[in-house]
Amino acid sequence: MNNKTLMIALFSLGVTLVALAMIAISYAWLSKQLTITSNTVSVGEILYVKSGSWISPTEPIVPNTDLIAEDFILDNQSSIPSQMRVIITYTKYASIEDVTGTVTTYSNTLDHISVSMPTEFVYSSGYWYYTATDYSIPAVSGPITIVSSLYFDGDIVSIDYASKNVTITITIQVKQANNVTWNDLTSYNFETGLPA
């Protein structure tokens, strides 16, 4: 009987150990599931409120006269960190005979336009990147001035622009920090002049 009791005790112990192992495996599985669900990424909102304005398109454009009536400002009300870059394009006329002009990206190198932007914007490969706080804009950081002045440079521009269509576009792109896809947020568009 001693052997039979020992066998039953060992069998019971074995069943108990197997049951505990099964509980531990189940618990580990549940624990992993809980860990995974607790690490889900919450999607925030990128939200900027824009302000600023151009001069009236009916006003005559004179070299060295500012085309911006009110500074272009974006008020960052995003709930997550974001990144920003700006591209400025304009129609450039090479000579008085040039009828259609060429869409040109502003790079601050012998451009026909002069643009005043905060020093936090740095030019690279066609874009002006907002570099403050290591290229990342914290959530709800408030107003950011994009462009405060823009005019045709009288030292470069001549009569080539007389009676021609003038177009300028400031496009702002943003993305969630650490994400790779840039998206157009908004643009400021200016067009004036006589049709070619």
Protein backbone atom coordinates (compact mmCIF):
# COMPACT_ATOMS: atom_id res chain seq x y z
CA MET A 1 0.00 0.00 0.00
CA ASN A 2 2.92 2.20 0.63
CA ASN A 3 3.93 1.88 -3.00
CA LYS A 4 0.41 2.59 -4.17
CA THR A 5 0.19 5.75 -2.00
CA LEU A 6 3.58 6.87 -3.22
CA MET A 7 2.53 6.31 -6.83
CA ILE A 8 -0.69 8.26 -6.32
CA ALA A 9 1.23 11.06 -4.58
CA LEU A 10 3.78 11.22 -7.40
CA PHE A 11 1.03 11.10 -10.00
CA SER A 12 -0.85 13.88 -8.18
CA LEU A 13 2.33 15.90 -7.90
CA GLY A 14 2.99 15.39 -11.62
CA VAL A 15 -0.56 16.45 -12.53
CA THR A 16 -0.23 19.49 -10.25
CA LEU A 17 3.10 20.45 -11.83
CA VAL A 18 1.65 20.05 -15.32
CA ALA A 19 -1.38 22.12 -14.31
CA LEU A 20 0.87 24.83 -12.84
CA ALA A 21 3.00 24.78 -15.98
CA MET A 22 -0.12 25.19 -18.11
CA ILE A 23 -1.26 28.10 -15.94
CA ALA A 24 2.20 29.67 -16.21
CA ILE A 25 2.18 29.26 -20.00
CA SER A 26 -1.32 30.73 -20.19
CA TYR A 27 -0.32 33.54 -17.85
CA ALA A 28 2.78 34.29 -19.93
CA TRP A 29 0.68 34.34 -23.08
CA LEU A 30 -1.86 36.66 -21.46
CA SER A 31 0.94 38.77 -20.08
CA LYS A 32 2.45 39.18 -23.55
CA GLN A 33 -0.93 40.09 -24.96
CA LEU A 34 -1.40 42.70 -22.28
CA THR A 35 2.06 44.10 -22.92
CA ILE A 36 1.39 44.35 -26.64
CA THR A 37 -1.92 46.12 -26.20
CA SER A 38 -0.47 48.53 -23.65
CA ASN A 39 2.18 49.58 -26.19
CA THR A 40 -0.28 50.60 -28.89
CA VAL A 41 0.56 53.94 -30.47
CA SER A 42 -2.02 56.61 -29.80
CA VAL A 43 -2.61 58.69 -32.89
CA GLY A 44 -2.55 62.41 -32.18
CA GLU A 45 -3.60 65.30 -34.32
CA ILE A 46 -1.39 67.67 -36.27
CA LEU A 47 -3.16 71.01 -36.16
CA TYR A 48 -1.82 74.40 -37.21
CA VAL A 49 -3.90 77.56 -37.51
CA LYS A 50 -2.61 79.87 -40.23
CA SER A 51 -2.68 83.65 -40.44
CA GLY A 52 -1.11 86.35 -42.58
CA SER A 53 -1.89 87.96 -45.90
CA TRP A 54 -0.46 89.26 -49.15
CA ILE A 55 -0.95 92.80 -50.39
CA SER A 56 -3.89 93.28 -52.73
CA PRO A 57 -3.20 91.76 -56.16
CA THR A 58 -4.50 95.00 -57.70
CA GLU A 59 -1.63 97.03 -56.21
CA PRO A 60 1.26 97.68 -58.58
CA ILE A 61 4.32 95.58 -57.83
CA VAL A 62 7.48 97.61 -57.50
CA PRO A 63 10.90 96.06 -56.87
CA ASN A 64 11.94 96.19 -53.17
CA THR A 65 8.32 96.75 -52.08
CA ASP A 66 7.06 94.09 -49.68
CA LEU A 67 4.32 91.81 -51.03
CA ILE A 68 3.32 90.62 -47.55
CA ALA A 69 0.78 92.75 -45.70
CA GLU A 70 0.79 90.58 -42.51
CA ASP A 71 3.45 88.05 -41.50
CA PHE A 72 2.66 84.43 -42.38
CA ILE A 73 2.35 82.64 -39.05
CA LEU A 74 1.32 79.10 -38.11
CA ASP A 75 0.00 78.60 -34.58
CA ASN A 76 0.95 75.06 -33.55
CA GLN A 77 -1.97 73.46 -31.70
CA SER A 78 -0.90 69.88 -32.50
CA SER A 79 -1.33 67.26 -29.79
CA ILE A 80 1.85 65.45 -30.91
CA PRO A 81 5.38 66.54 -31.89
CA SER A 82 5.76 67.33 -35.59
CA GLN A 83 8.31 68.43 -38.16
CA MET A 84 7.95 71.17 -40.76
CA ARG A 85 9.50 72.23 -44.03
CA VAL A 86 8.66 75.02 -46.49
CA ILE A 87 9.08 75.32 -50.24
CA ILE A 88 8.82 78.69 -51.96
CA THR A 89 8.32 78.80 -55.72
CA TYR A 90 7.85 81.75 -58.04
CA THR A 91 7.66 82.57 -61.73
CA LYS A 92 11.04 83.83 -62.92
CA TYR A 93 11.48 85.80 -66.15
CA ALA A 94 14.92 85.72 -67.76
CA SER A 95 14.34 88.57 -70.21
CA ILE A 96 11.65 90.86 -71.58
CA GLU A 97 11.18 88.38 -74.45
CA ASP A 98 10.44 85.57 -71.98
CA VAL A 99 6.66 85.23 -72.22
CA THR A 100 5.85 82.28 -69.96
CA GLY A 101 8.65 82.41 -67.40
CA THR A 102 10.01 79.48 -65.41
CA VAL A 103 8.76 78.16 -62.07
CA THR A 104 11.79 78.48 -59.80
CA THR A 105 12.42 77.31 -56.24
CA TYR A 106 13.71 79.99 -53.89
CA SER A 107 17.08 79.05 -52.40
CA ASN A 108 18.48 82.45 -51.30
CA THR A 109 21.21 82.30 -53.96
CA LEU A 110 20.90 85.05 -56.60
CA ASP A 111 17.14 84.70 -56.61
CA HIS A 112 14.88 87.28 -58.15
CA ILE A 113 12.98 87.46 -54.88
CA SER A 114 14.21 88.26 -51.39
CA VAL A 115 12.57 86.45 -48.46
CA SER A 116 12.87 87.10 -44.72
CA MET A 117 12.43 83.95 -42.63
CA PRO A 118 13.44 83.16 -39.04
CA THR A 119 16.95 81.76 -38.59
CA GLU A 120 15.43 78.44 -37.47
CA PHE A 121 14.75 77.67 -41.15
CA VAL A 122 17.70 76.10 -42.97
CA TYR A 123 17.78 75.43 -46.73
CA SER A 124 18.54 71.94 -48.02
CA SER A 125 17.68 70.28 -51.35
CA GLY A 126 14.84 72.61 -52.32
CA TYR A 127 13.23 72.91 -48.89
CA TRP A 128 13.54 75.21 -45.88
CA TYR A 129 13.54 72.94 -42.81
CA TYR A 130 12.46 74.17 -39.40
CA THR A 131 15.45 73.15 -37.28
CA ALA A 132 14.61 74.47 -33.79
CA THR A 133 14.68 71.82 -31.05
CA ASP A 134 16.51 69.32 -33.25
CA TYR A 135 14.06 69.47 -36.20
CA SER A 136 11.12 68.56 -33.95
CA ILE A 137 8.35 70.95 -32.95
CA PRO A 138 6.89 70.08 -29.54
CA ALA A 139 3.13 69.65 -29.15
CA VAL A 140 1.15 72.86 -28.60
CA SER A 141 4.26 75.05 -28.98
CA GLY A 142 2.36 78.14 -30.16
CA PRO A 143 2.96 80.58 -33.05
CA ILE A 144 5.80 80.07 -35.54
CA THR A 145 6.58 82.82 -38.02
CA ILE A 146 7.10 81.35 -41.48
CA VAL A 147 7.78 84.41 -43.67
CA SER A 148 7.79 88.05 -42.56
CA SER A 149 8.85 89.75 -45.79
CA LEU A 150 8.97 88.89 -49.49
CA TYR A 151 9.73 91.21 -52.38
CA PHE A 152 11.29 91.25 -55.83
CA ASP A 153 14.95 92.22 -55.50
CA GLY A 154 15.54 95.53 -57.29
CA ASP A 155 19.25 94.72 -57.69
CA ILE A 156 18.40 91.69 -59.85
CA VAL A 157 14.91 92.25 -61.27
CA SER A 158 14.56 94.67 -64.15
CA ILE A 159 11.97 95.61 -66.75
CA ASP A 160 11.78 91.91 -67.65
CA TYR A 161 8.79 91.61 -65.30
CA ALA A 162 6.78 94.53 -66.69
CA SER A 163 3.18 93.56 -67.57
CA LYS A 164 3.81 89.87 -66.83
CA ASN A 165 1.98 87.39 -64.63
CA VAL A 166 3.66 87.08 -61.25
CA THR A 167 3.00 83.97 -59.16
CA ILE A 168 4.45 83.06 -55.78
CA THR A 169 3.56 79.98 -53.74
CA ILE A 170 4.67 79.21 -50.20
CA THR A 171 3.85 75.58 -49.42
CA ILE A 172 4.17 74.24 -45.88
CA GLN A 173 4.59 70.51 -45.36
CA VAL A 174 4.45 68.71 -42.02
CA LYS A 175 4.80 65.22 -40.69
CA GLN A 176 4.62 63.42 -37.39
CA ALA A 177 8.09 63.37 -35.87
CA ASN A 178 9.96 60.13 -36.67
CA ASN A 179 7.61 59.40 -39.55
CA VAL A 180 8.88 59.40 -43.13
CA THR A 181 5.98 60.82 -45.17
CA TRP A 182 5.65 64.57 -45.67
CA ASN A 183 2.16 65.94 -46.31
CA ASP A 184 1.05 69.34 -47.57
CA LEU A 185 -0.45 71.27 -44.66
CA THR A 186 -1.33 74.54 -46.38
CA SER A 187 -0.07 77.08 -48.88
CA TYR A 188 -0.05 80.84 -49.36
CA ASN A 189 -0.59 81.72 -53.02
CA PHE A 190 -0.09 85.04 -54.72
CA GLU A 191 -0.86 85.90 -58.33
CA THR A 192 -1.06 89.24 -60.02
CA GLY A 193 -0.11 91.04 -63.21
CA LEU A 194 -1.41 91.08 -66.73
CA PRO A 195 -1.88 87.84 -68.63
CA ALA A 196 0.99 87.10 -70.99
